[in-house]
Amino acid sequence: NSTADYFEALFYSDEAEHIARLTPKGGLMEYKKNIRISEIPEEIRVKVTEQGEIMSVICIFPQQAVRYEIIIRNENLKRDLLLMDDLGNLLEKKPIN
């Protein structure tokens, strides 16, 4: 579709899922990688686990600084989506229904 704002390509490398977002001309806008909880920087993992159990993590590599999209679950089994920067600052928090 030539009128799309971007295209996505899904691929696997080193047994990890990656999603690349590309411009219509093929330029890389960003890519996302599913990572293991053990791969999250320690300072971010500590901040997040204060809010709940980490369920999954996607590392986002835009053209600027790295971000982390983290799904957590609290003791009441309520899930939230957290968006954090590479310094562990919370950029956004949304409930997941």
Protein backbone atom coordinates (compact mmCIF):
# COMPACT_ATOMS: atom_id res chain seq x y z
CA ASN A 1 0.00 0.00 0.00
CA SER A 2 1.78 3.16 -1.16
CA THR A 3 -0.35 5.46 1.03
CA ALA A 4 0.71 3.83 4.34
CA ASP A 5 2.64 5.96 6.84
CA TYR A 6 4.88 2.99 7.65
CA PHE A 7 5.34 -0.74 7.15
CA GLU A 8 6.26 -3.38 9.71
CA ALA A 9 8.50 -6.41 9.25
CA LEU A 10 8.61 -9.25 11.76
CA PHE A 11 11.75 -11.38 12.02
CA TYR A 12 13.72 -13.52 14.45
CA SER A 13 17.38 -13.14 15.34
CA ASP A 14 19.14 -15.07 18.11
CA GLU A 15 15.77 -16.66 18.96
CA ALA A 16 14.28 -13.25 19.81
CA GLU A 17 11.35 -11.66 18.01
CA HIS A 18 12.03 -8.29 16.37
CA ILE A 19 9.59 -5.91 14.74
CA ALA A 20 11.01 -3.25 12.41
CA ARG A 21 8.98 -0.18 11.48
CA LEU A 22 9.99 1.17 8.08
CA THR A 23 9.13 4.26 6.07
CA PRO A 24 7.40 3.71 2.71
CA LYS A 25 10.83 4.22 1.10
CA GLY A 26 12.43 1.53 3.28
CA GLY A 27 14.16 3.70 5.89
CA LEU A 28 14.26 2.33 9.44
CA MET A 29 12.07 4.35 11.84
CA GLU A 30 12.51 2.08 14.87
CA TYR A 31 12.61 -1.53 15.85
CA LYS A 32 11.33 -3.46 18.84
CA LYS A 33 12.82 -6.57 20.41
CA ASN A 34 11.24 -8.92 22.92
CA ILE A 35 13.83 -9.34 25.66
CA ARG A 36 14.21 -11.55 28.70
CA ILE A 37 13.52 -10.04 32.11
CA SER A 38 17.18 -10.68 32.95
CA GLU A 39 18.18 -8.33 30.11
CA ILE A 40 16.47 -5.28 31.63
CA PRO A 41 18.98 -2.88 33.22
CA GLU A 42 19.07 -3.47 36.98
CA GLU A 43 17.95 0.06 37.95
CA ILE A 44 14.86 -0.27 35.76
CA ARG A 45 14.07 -3.79 36.99
CA VAL A 46 14.22 -2.60 40.63
CA LYS A 47 11.85 0.33 39.99
CA VAL A 48 9.39 -1.81 38.07
CA THR A 49 9.27 -4.70 40.53
CA GLU A 50 8.24 -2.23 43.25
CA GLN A 51 4.98 -1.83 41.27
CA GLY A 52 4.39 -5.49 40.44
CA GLU A 53 5.62 -8.68 38.79
CA ILE A 54 7.16 -8.24 35.34
CA MET A 55 5.22 -10.26 32.77
CA SER A 56 6.97 -9.25 29.53
CA VAL A 57 9.41 -6.68 28.17
CA ILE A 58 9.90 -5.11 24.77
CA CYS A 59 12.94 -2.95 24.16
CA ILE A 60 12.24 -0.15 21.67
CA PHE A 61 15.09 1.24 19.61
CA PRO A 62 13.94 4.49 18.02
CA GLN A 63 16.33 6.88 16.38
CA GLN A 64 16.79 8.55 19.78
CA ALA A 65 17.25 6.92 23.21
CA VAL A 66 16.19 3.36 24.01
CA ARG A 67 12.82 2.82 25.71
CA TYR A 68 11.30 -0.15 27.51
CA GLU A 69 7.67 -1.26 27.20
CA ILE A 70 6.95 -3.42 30.24
CA ILE A 71 3.80 -5.28 31.22
CA ILE A 72 3.43 -5.78 34.97
CA ARG A 73 0.87 -7.51 37.17
CA ASN A 74 0.19 -6.48 40.77
CA GLU A 75 -0.96 -8.61 43.71
CA ASN A 76 -4.62 -8.12 42.64
CA LEU A 77 -3.74 -9.48 39.16
CA LYS A 78 -4.34 -6.04 37.61
CA ARG A 79 -2.05 -5.48 34.62
CA ASP A 80 -0.46 -2.22 33.48
CA LEU A 81 1.68 -1.24 30.52
CA LEU A 82 4.66 0.92 31.50
CA LEU A 83 6.79 2.91 29.08
CA MET A 84 10.18 3.80 30.57
CA ASP A 85 13.26 5.53 29.24
CA ASP A 86 16.77 4.09 29.46
CA LEU A 87 17.31 5.86 32.82
CA GLY A 88 14.26 4.23 34.41
CA ASN A 89 12.01 7.28 34.26
CA LEU A 90 8.33 6.43 33.83
CA LEU A 91 7.09 8.06 30.62
CA GLU A 92 3.63 6.53 30.51
CA LYS A 93 1.45 4.09 32.45
CA LYS A 94 -1.76 2.55 31.03
CA PRO A 95 -4.04 -0.09 32.50
CA ILE A 96 -4.54 -3.22 30.41
CA ASN A 97 -8.08 -4.55 30.45
